[in-house]
Amino acid sequence: SDRLAIEQAARDLKDAIKADDAAKIKRGMEALQQASHKLAEEVYKKAQQKPGAGGRGPEGPEEPAEKPAGKDDKVVDAEFKVEDDKP
């Protein structure tokens, strides 16, 4: 599975870091990145295929434009005029 591929890539990268081999570290980083991207693609596809899946994507549904009645944040809509105190 994708999760196992990521875990294996992470182990390989740790081994490369311990060996202090720059080429192996670079290959390990690339392998881990590819494995994680593959998993992310699958998660995104599954999220898009859900029936009735609304919202903005992975972050969750959008907040309502207006707050429900009964919640008063004591916000006052007012206009003001800047007056200079200097004579």
PDB file of N, CA and C in Angstrom:
ATOM      1  N   SER A   1       0.831  -1.184   0.000  1.00  0.00           N
ATOM      2  CA  SER A   1       0.000   0.000   0.000  1.00  0.00           C
ATOM      3  C   SER A   1       0.879   1.252   0.000  1.00  0.00           C
ATOM      4  N   ASP A   2       0.244   2.390  -0.217  1.00  0.00           N
ATOM      5  CA  ASP A   2       0.985   3.658  -0.264  1.00  0.00           C
ATOM      6  C   ASP A   2       1.626   3.974   1.083  1.00  0.00           C
ATOM      7  N   ARG A   3       0.911   3.640   2.141  1.00  0.00           N
ATOM      8  CA  ARG A   3       1.448   3.915   3.477  1.00  0.00           C
ATOM      9  C   ARG A   3       2.730   3.115   3.710  1.00  0.00           C
ATOM     10  N   LEU A   4       2.729   1.861   3.296  1.00  0.00           N
ATOM     11  CA  LEU A   4       3.921   1.032   3.463  1.00  0.00           C
ATOM     12  C   LEU A   4       5.082   1.565   2.637  1.00  0.00           C
ATOM     13  N   ALA A   5       4.774   2.075   1.449  1.00  0.00           N
ATOM     14  CA  ALA A   5       5.819   2.645   0.594  1.00  0.00           C
ATOM     15  C   ALA A   5       6.443   3.872   1.256  1.00  0.00           C
ATOM     16  N   ILE A   6       5.617   4.685   1.894  1.00  0.00           N
ATOM     17  CA  ILE A   6       6.122   5.873   2.590  1.00  0.00           C
ATOM     18  C   ILE A   6       6.979   5.463   3.784  1.00  0.00           C
ATOM     19  N   GLU A   7       6.497   4.480   4.541  1.00  0.00           N
ATOM     20  CA  GLU A   7       7.266   4.024   5.697  1.00  0.00           C
ATOM     21  C   GLU A   7       8.617   3.457   5.270  1.00  0.00           C
ATOM     22  N   GLN A   8       8.622   2.675   4.186  1.00  0.00           N
ATOM     23  CA  GLN A   8       9.874   2.103   3.700  1.00  0.00           C
ATOM     24  C   GLN A   8      10.817   3.202   3.213  1.00  0.00           C
ATOM     25  N   ALA A   9      10.286   4.173   2.489  1.00  0.00           N
ATOM     26  CA  ALA A   9      11.111   5.278   1.997  1.00  0.00           C
ATOM     27  C   ALA A   9      11.698   6.070   3.164  1.00  0.00           C
ATOM     28  N   ALA A  10      10.918   6.241   4.222  1.00  0.00           N
ATOM     29  CA  ALA A  10      11.406   6.962   5.405  1.00  0.00           C
ATOM     30  C   ALA A  10      12.530   6.179   6.083  1.00  0.00           C
ATOM     31  N   ARG A  11      12.364   4.853   6.193  1.00  0.00           N
ATOM     32  CA  ARG A  11      13.427   4.029   6.783  1.00  0.00           C
ATOM     33  C   ARG A  11      14.699   4.102   5.943  1.00  0.00           C
ATOM     34  N   ASP A  12      14.532   4.018   4.621  1.00  0.00           N
ATOM     35  CA  ASP A  12      15.694   4.094   3.731  1.00  0.00           C
ATOM     36  C   ASP A  12      16.409   5.440   3.875  1.00  0.00           C
ATOM     37  N   LEU A  13      15.632   6.502   3.992  1.00  0.00           N
ATOM     38  CA  LEU A  13      16.223   7.831   4.157  1.00  0.00           C
ATOM     39  C   LEU A  13      16.983   7.932   5.482  1.00  0.00           C
ATOM     40  N   LYS A  14      16.407   7.380   6.550  1.00  0.00           N
ATOM     41  CA  LYS A  14      17.096   7.392   7.844  1.00  0.00           C
ATOM     42  C   LYS A  14      18.421   6.641   7.756  1.00  0.00           C
ATOM     43  N   ASP A  15      18.405   5.503   7.062  1.00  0.00           N
ATOM     44  CA  ASP A  15      19.644   4.734   6.893  1.00  0.00           C
ATOM     45  C   ASP A  15      20.678   5.536   6.110  1.00  0.00           C
ATOM     46  N   ALA A  16      20.220   6.240   5.080  1.00  0.00           N
ATOM     47  CA  ALA A  16      21.133   7.052   4.269  1.00  0.00           C
ATOM     48  C   ALA A  16      21.727   8.184   5.101  1.00  0.00           C
ATOM     49  N   ILE A  17      20.919   8.759   5.978  1.00  0.00           N
ATOM     50  CA  ILE A  17      21.410   9.837   6.844  1.00  0.00           C
ATOM     51  C   ILE A  17      22.464   9.291   7.807  1.00  0.00           C
ATOM     52  N   LYS A  18      22.188   8.111   8.361  1.00  0.00           N
ATOM     53  CA  LYS A  18      23.159   7.496   9.273  1.00  0.00           C
ATOM     54  C   LYS A  18      24.468   7.191   8.552  1.00  0.00           C
ATOM     55  N   ALA A  19      24.373   6.788   7.274  1.00  0.00           N
ATOM     56  CA  ALA A  19      25.566   6.460   6.494  1.00  0.00           C
ATOM     57  C   ALA A  19      26.308   7.718   6.055  1.00  0.00           C
ATOM     58  N   ASP A  20      25.659   8.864   6.183  1.00  0.00           N
ATOM     59  CA  ASP A  20      26.246  10.154   5.808  1.00  0.00           C
ATOM     60  C   ASP A  20      26.695  10.165   4.341  1.00  0.00           C
ATOM     61  N   ASP A  21      25.796   9.626   3.484  1.00  0.00           N
ATOM     62  CA  ASP A  21      26.071   9.551   2.042  1.00  0.00           C
ATOM     63  C   ASP A  21      25.123  10.519   1.333  1.00  0.00           C
ATOM     64  N   ALA A  22      25.674  11.604   0.813  1.00  0.00           N
ATOM     65  CA  ALA A  22      24.850  12.656   0.204  1.00  0.00           C
ATOM     66  C   ALA A  22      24.018  12.135  -0.959  1.00  0.00           C
ATOM     67  N   ALA A  23      24.587  11.279  -1.795  1.00  0.00           N
ATOM     68  CA  ALA A  23      23.847  10.758  -2.949  1.00  0.00           C
ATOM     69  C   ALA A  23      22.676   9.892  -2.498  1.00  0.00           C
ATOM     70  N   LYS A  24      22.911   9.050  -1.480  1.00  0.00           N
ATOM     71  CA  LYS A  24      21.830   8.201  -0.962  1.00  0.00           C
ATOM     72  C   LYS A  24      20.757   9.050  -0.287  1.00  0.00           C
ATOM     73  N   ILE A  25      21.180  10.079   0.408  1.00  0.00           N
ATOM     74  CA  ILE A  25      20.216  10.966   1.071  1.00  0.00           C
ATOM     75  C   ILE A  25      19.335  11.637   0.028  1.00  0.00           C
ATOM     76  N   LYS A  26      19.937  12.119  -1.042  1.00  0.00           N
ATOM     77  CA  LYS A  26      19.167  12.781  -2.095  1.00  0.00           C
ATOM     78  C   LYS A  26      18.169  11.810  -2.719  1.00  0.00           C
ATOM     79  N   ARG A  27      18.626  10.590  -3.030  1.00  0.00           N
ATOM     80  CA  ARG A  27      17.719   9.587  -3.607  1.00  0.00           C
ATOM     81  C   ARG A  27      16.610   9.237  -2.627  1.00  0.00           C
ATOM     82  N   GLY A  28      16.965   9.131  -1.351  1.00  0.00           N
ATOM     83  CA  GLY A  28      15.974   8.811  -0.333  1.00  0.00           C
ATOM     84  C   GLY A  28      14.929   9.899  -0.188  1.00  0.00           C
ATOM     85  N   MET A  29      15.370  11.144  -0.252  1.00  0.00           N
ATOM     86  CA  MET A  29      14.425  12.264  -0.170  1.00  0.00           C
ATOM     87  C   MET A  29      13.478  12.262  -1.361  1.00  0.00           C
ATOM     88  N   GLU A  30      14.017  12.005  -2.543  1.00  0.00           N
ATOM     89  CA  GLU A  30      13.180  11.969  -3.745  1.00  0.00           C
ATOM     90  C   GLU A  30      12.176  10.825  -3.675  1.00  0.00           C
ATOM     91  N   ALA A  31      12.618   9.658  -3.202  1.00  0.00           N
ATOM     92  CA  ALA A  31      11.718   8.508  -3.089  1.00  0.00           C
ATOM     93  C   ALA A  31      10.605   8.782  -2.084  1.00  0.00           C
ATOM     94  N   LEU A  32      10.956   9.381  -0.962  1.00  0.00           N
ATOM     95  CA  LEU A  32       9.956   9.708   0.054  1.00  0.00           C
ATOM     96  C   LEU A  32       8.966  10.740  -0.470  1.00  0.00           C
ATOM     97  N   GLN A  33       9.463  11.716  -1.187  1.00  0.00           N
ATOM     98  CA  GLN A  33       8.585  12.746  -1.746  1.00  0.00           C
ATOM     99  C   GLN A  33       7.622  12.140  -2.769  1.00  0.00           C
ATOM    100  N   GLN A  34       8.120  11.276  -3.633  1.00  0.00           N
ATOM    101  CA  GLN A  34       7.259  10.650  -4.639  1.00  0.00           C
ATOM    102  C   GLN A  34       6.190   9.788  -3.977  1.00  0.00           C
ATOM    103  N   ALA A  35       6.579   9.025  -2.963  1.00  0.00           N
ATOM    104  CA  ALA A  35       5.623   8.167  -2.269  1.00  0.00           C
ATOM    105  C   ALA A  35       4.549   8.998  -1.570  1.00  0.00           C
ATOM    106  N   SER A  36       4.951  10.100  -0.949  1.00  0.00           N
ATOM    107  CA  SER A  36       3.966  10.935  -0.255  1.00  0.00           C
ATOM    108  C   SER A  36       3.045  11.643  -1.240  1.00  0.00           C
ATOM    109  N   HIS A  37       3.566  12.029  -2.387  1.00  0.00           N
ATOM    110  CA  HIS A  37       2.723  12.664  -3.405  1.00  0.00           C
ATOM    111  C   HIS A  37       1.698  11.678  -3.947  1.00  0.00           C
ATOM    112  N   LYS A  38       2.115  10.438  -4.122  1.00  0.00           N
ATOM    113  CA  LYS A  38       1.193   9.417  -4.620  1.00  0.00           C
ATOM    114  C   LYS A  38       0.048   9.214  -3.630  1.00  0.00           C
ATOM    115  N   LEU A  39       0.375   9.156  -2.354  1.00  0.00           N
ATOM    116  CA  LEU A  39      -0.656   9.004  -1.334  1.00  0.00           C
ATOM    117  C   LEU A  39      -1.580  10.221  -1.313  1.00  0.00           C
ATOM    118  N   ALA A  40      -1.019  11.401  -1.429  1.00  0.00           N
ATOM    119  CA  ALA A  40      -1.826  12.626  -1.431  1.00  0.00           C
ATOM    120  C   ALA A  40      -2.789  12.640  -2.614  1.00  0.00           C
ATOM    121  N   GLU A  41      -2.336  12.173  -3.768  1.00  0.00           N
ATOM    122  CA  GLU A  41      -3.215  12.100  -4.940  1.00  0.00           C
ATOM    123  C   GLU A  41      -4.392  11.178  -4.671  1.00  0.00           C
ATOM    124  N   GLU A  42      -4.131  10.025  -4.075  1.00  0.00           N
ATOM    125  CA  GLU A  42      -5.197   9.072  -3.785  1.00  0.00           C
ATOM    126  C   GLU A  42      -6.204   9.657  -2.795  1.00  0.00           C
ATOM    127  N   VAL A  43      -5.710  10.316  -1.770  1.00  0.00           N
ATOM    128  CA  VAL A  43      -6.598  10.930  -0.779  1.00  0.00           C
ATOM    129  C   VAL A  43      -7.459  11.994  -1.445  1.00  0.00           C
ATOM    130  N   TYR A  44      -6.858  12.809  -2.292  1.00  0.00           N
ATOM    131  CA  TYR A  44      -7.593  13.872  -2.977  1.00  0.00           C
ATOM    132  C   TYR A  44      -8.661  13.281  -3.893  1.00  0.00           C
ATOM    133  N   LYS A  45      -8.305  12.236  -4.643  1.00  0.00           N
ATOM    134  CA  LYS A  45      -9.274  11.598  -5.546  1.00  0.00           C
ATOM    135  C   LYS A  45     -10.456  11.037  -4.769  1.00  0.00           C
ATOM    136  N   LYS A  46     -10.173  10.373  -3.650  1.00  0.00           N
ATOM    137  CA  LYS A  46     -11.252   9.799  -2.849  1.00  0.00           C
ATOM    138  C   LYS A  46     -12.152  10.887  -2.282  1.00  0.00           C
ATOM    139  N   ALA A  47     -11.568  12.000  -1.884  1.00  0.00           N
ATOM    140  CA  ALA A  47     -12.360  13.104  -1.338  1.00  0.00           C
ATOM    141  C   ALA A  47     -13.267  13.694  -2.409  1.00  0.00           C
ATOM    142  N   GLN A  48     -12.801  13.740  -3.645  1.00  0.00           N
ATOM    143  CA  GLN A  48     -13.594  14.302  -4.734  1.00  0.00           C
ATOM    144  C   GLN A  48     -14.702  13.352  -5.177  1.00  0.00           C
ATOM    145  N   GLN A  49     -14.539  12.052  -4.948  1.00  0.00           N
ATOM    146  CA  GLN A  49     -15.503  11.064  -5.414  1.00  0.00           C
ATOM    147  C   GLN A  49     -16.659  10.860  -4.450  1.00  0.00           C
ATOM    148  N   LYS A  50     -16.558  11.347  -3.230  1.00  0.00           N
ATOM    149  CA  LYS A  50     -17.624  11.151  -2.260  1.00  0.00           C
ATOM    150  C   LYS A  50     -18.886  11.854  -2.741  1.00  0.00           C
ATOM    151  N   PRO A  51     -20.025  11.152  -2.731  1.00  0.00           N
ATOM    152  CA  PRO A  51     -21.270  11.806  -3.151  1.00  0.00           C
ATOM    153  C   PRO A  51     -21.655  12.900  -2.165  1.00  0.00           C
ATOM    154  N   GLY A  52     -22.005  14.041  -2.714  1.00  0.00           N
ATOM    155  CA  GLY A  52     -22.420  15.164  -1.886  1.00  0.00           C
ATOM    156  C   GLY A  52     -21.276  15.817  -1.140  1.00  0.00           C
ATOM    157  N   ALA A  53     -20.071  15.561  -1.579  1.00  0.00           N
ATOM    158  CA  ALA A  53     -18.920  16.168  -0.907  1.00  0.00           C
ATOM    159  C   ALA A  53     -18.853  17.637  -1.268  1.00  0.00           C
ATOM    160  N   GLY A  54     -19.238  18.462  -0.329  1.00  0.00           N
ATOM    161  CA  GLY A  54     -19.207  19.899  -0.570  1.00  0.00           C
ATOM    162  C   GLY A  54     -18.015  20.488   0.127  1.00  0.00           C
ATOM    163  N   GLY A  55     -18.010  21.770   0.259  1.00  0.00           N
ATOM    164  CA  GLY A  55     -16.930  22.411   0.976  1.00  0.00           C
ATOM    165  C   GLY A  55     -15.831  22.880   0.054  1.00  0.00           C
ATOM    166  N   ARG A  56     -14.728  23.220   0.677  1.00  0.00           N
ATOM    167  CA  ARG A  56     -13.622  23.797  -0.064  1.00  0.00           C
ATOM    168  C   ARG A  56     -12.509  22.804  -0.305  1.00  0.00           C
ATOM    169  N   GLY A  57     -12.691  21.562  -0.019  1.00  0.00           N
ATOM    170  CA  GLY A  57     -11.625  20.601  -0.213  1.00  0.00           C
ATOM    171  C   GLY A  57     -11.123  20.086   1.119  1.00  0.00           C
ATOM    172  N   PRO A  58      -9.843  19.779   1.208  1.00  0.00           N
ATOM    173  CA  PRO A  58      -9.308  19.162   2.413  1.00  0.00           C
ATOM    174  C   PRO A  58      -9.455  19.999   3.677  1.00  0.00           C
ATOM    175  N   GLU A  59      -9.579  21.318   3.546  1.00  0.00           N
ATOM    176  CA  GLU A  59      -9.676  22.164   4.726  1.00  0.00           C
ATOM    177  C   GLU A  59     -11.020  22.021   5.420  1.00  0.00           C
ATOM    178  N   GLY A  60     -12.051  21.613   4.695  1.00  0.00           N
ATOM    179  CA  GLY A  60     -13.367  21.479   5.289  1.00  0.00           C
ATOM    180  C   GLY A  60     -14.355  22.424   4.644  1.00  0.00           C
ATOM    181  N   PRO A  61     -15.577  22.382   5.129  1.00  0.00           N
ATOM    182  CA  PRO A  61     -16.615  23.232   4.531  1.00  0.00           C
ATOM    183  C   PRO A  61     -16.384  24.698   4.834  1.00  0.00           C
ATOM    184  N   GLU A  62     -16.932  25.523   3.962  1.00  0.00           N
ATOM    185  CA  GLU A  62     -16.825  26.966   4.164  1.00  0.00           C
ATOM    186  C   GLU A  62     -17.694  27.373   5.338  1.00  0.00           C
ATOM    187  N   GLU A  63     -17.318  28.451   5.977  1.00  0.00           N
ATOM    188  CA  GLU A  63     -18.128  28.972   7.060  1.00  0.00           C
ATOM    189  C   GLU A  63     -19.332  29.685   6.464  1.00  0.00           C
ATOM    190  N   PRO A  64     -20.451  29.655   7.153  1.00  0.00           N
ATOM    191  CA  PRO A  64     -21.626  30.348   6.622  1.00  0.00           C
ATOM    192  C   PRO A  64     -21.366  31.838   6.488  1.00  0.00           C
ATOM    193  N   ALA A  65     -22.009  32.448   5.500  1.00  0.00           N
ATOM    194  CA  ALA A  65     -21.816  33.870   5.244  1.00  0.00           C
ATOM    195  C   ALA A  65     -22.338  34.707   6.405  1.00  0.00           C
ATOM    196  N   GLU A  66     -23.434  34.264   7.009  1.00  0.00           N
ATOM    197  CA  GLU A  66     -24.007  34.989   8.133  1.00  0.00           C
ATOM    198  C   GLU A  66     -24.064  34.067   9.334  1.00  0.00           C
ATOM    199  N   LYS A  67     -23.879  34.645  10.509  1.00  0.00           N
ATOM    200  CA  LYS A  67     -23.954  33.850  11.719  1.00  0.00           C
ATOM    201  C   LYS A  67     -25.418  33.577  12.040  1.00  0.00           C
ATOM    202  N   PRO A  68     -25.689  32.459  12.670  1.00  0.00           N
ATOM    203  CA  PRO A  68     -27.066  32.161  13.054  1.00  0.00           C
ATOM    204  C   PRO A  68     -27.604  33.204  14.027  1.00  0.00           C
ATOM    205  N   ALA A  69     -28.909  33.403  13.987  1.00  0.00           N
ATOM    206  CA  ALA A  69     -29.544  34.382  14.871  1.00  0.00           C
ATOM    207  C   ALA A  69     -29.328  33.972  16.316  1.00  0.00           C
ATOM    208  N   GLY A  70     -29.208  34.954  17.178  1.00  0.00           N
ATOM    209  CA  GLY A  70     -29.047  34.673  18.588  1.00  0.00           C
ATOM    210  C   GLY A  70     -27.613  34.806  19.061  1.00  0.00           C
ATOM    211  N   LYS A  71     -26.687  34.890  18.171  1.00  0.00           N
ATOM    212  CA  LYS A  71     -25.286  35.054  18.564  1.00  0.00           C
ATOM    213  C   LYS A  71     -24.915  36.514  18.351  1.00  0.00           C
ATOM    214  N   ASP A  72     -24.810  37.251  19.445  1.00  0.00           N
ATOM    215  CA  ASP A  72     -24.534  38.681  19.377  1.00  0.00           C
ATOM    216  C   ASP A  72     -23.100  38.935  19.803  1.00  0.00           C
ATOM    217  N   ASP A  73     -22.280  39.420  18.892  1.00  0.00           N
ATOM    218  CA  ASP A  73     -20.898  39.757  19.197  1.00  0.00           C
ATOM    219  C   ASP A  73     -20.757  41.231  19.538  1.00  0.00           C
ATOM    220  N   LYS A  74     -21.876  41.923  19.713  1.00  0.00           N
ATOM    221  CA  LYS A  74     -21.908  43.346  20.035  1.00  0.00           C
ATOM    222  C   LYS A  74     -21.120  44.164  19.026  1.00  0.00           C
ATOM    223  N   VAL A  75     -21.347  43.899  17.773  1.00  0.00           N
ATOM    224  CA  VAL A  75     -20.715  44.649  16.699  1.00  0.00           C
ATOM    225  C   VAL A  75     -21.640  45.785  16.319  1.00  0.00           C
ATOM    226  N   VAL A  76     -21.094  46.982  16.229  1.00  0.00           N
ATOM    227  CA  VAL A  76     -21.884  48.155  15.876  1.00  0.00           C
ATOM    228  C   VAL A  76     -21.391  48.678  14.542  1.00  0.00           C
ATOM    229  N   ASP A  77     -22.302  48.816  13.597  1.00  0.00           N
ATOM    230  CA  ASP A  77     -21.959  49.379  12.298  1.00  0.00           C
ATOM    231  C   ASP A  77     -22.113  50.893  12.413  1.00  0.00           C
ATOM    232  N   ALA A  78     -21.001  51.603  12.314  1.00  0.00           N
ATOM    233  CA  ALA A  78     -21.048  53.051  12.505  1.00  0.00           C
ATOM    234  C   ALA A  78     -20.071  53.738  11.570  1.00  0.00           C
ATOM    235  N   GLU A  79     -20.319  55.016  11.376  1.00  0.00           N
ATOM    236  CA  GLU A  79     -19.402  55.837  10.598  1.00  0.00           C
ATOM    237  C   GLU A  79     -18.762  56.833  11.553  1.00  0.00           C
ATOM    238  N   PHE A  80     -17.564  57.273  11.220  1.00  0.00           N
ATOM    239  CA  PHE A  80     -16.904  58.253  12.070  1.00  0.00           C
ATOM    240  C   PHE A  80     -16.210  59.285  11.207  1.00  0.00           C
ATOM    241  N   LYS A  81     -15.985  60.411  11.845  1.00  0.00           N
ATOM    242  CA  LYS A  81     -15.337  61.513  11.153  1.00  0.00           C
ATOM    243  C   LYS A  81     -14.113  61.905  11.966  1.00  0.00           C
ATOM    244  N   VAL A  82     -12.952  61.990  11.316  1.00  0.00           N
ATOM    245  CA  VAL A  82     -11.721  62.361  12.001  1.00  0.00           C
ATOM    246  C   VAL A  82     -11.688  63.876  12.118  1.00  0.00           C
ATOM    247  N   GLU A  83     -11.587  64.340  13.352  1.00  0.00           N
ATOM    248  CA  GLU A  83     -11.511  65.773  13.598  1.00  0.00           C
ATOM    249  C   GLU A  83     -10.157  66.082  14.201  1.00  0.00           C
ATOM    250  N   ASP A  84      -9.565  67.151  13.752  1.00  0.00           N
ATOM    251  CA  ASP A  84      -8.253  67.547  14.233  1.00  0.00           C
ATOM    252  C   ASP A  84      -8.421  68.456  15.446  1.00  0.00           C
ATOM    253  N   ASP A  85      -7.730  68.147  16.550  1.00  0.00           N
ATOM    254  CA  ASP A  85      -7.814  68.948  17.770  1.00  0.00           C
ATOM    255  C   ASP A  85      -6.953  70.200  17.710  1.00  0.00           C
ATOM    256  N   LYS A  86      -6.146  70.359  16.714  1.00  0.00           N
ATOM    257  CA  LYS A  86      -5.247  71.507  16.606  1.00  0.00           C
ATOM    258  C   LYS A  86      -6.031  72.763  16.239  1.00  0.00           C
ATOM    259  N   PRO A  87      -5.645  73.933  16.846  1.00  0.00           N
ATOM    260  CA  PRO A  87      -6.367  75.194  16.540  1.00  0.00           C
ATOM    261  C   PRO A  87      -6.078  75.717  15.155  1.00  0.00           C
TER     262      PRO A  87
END
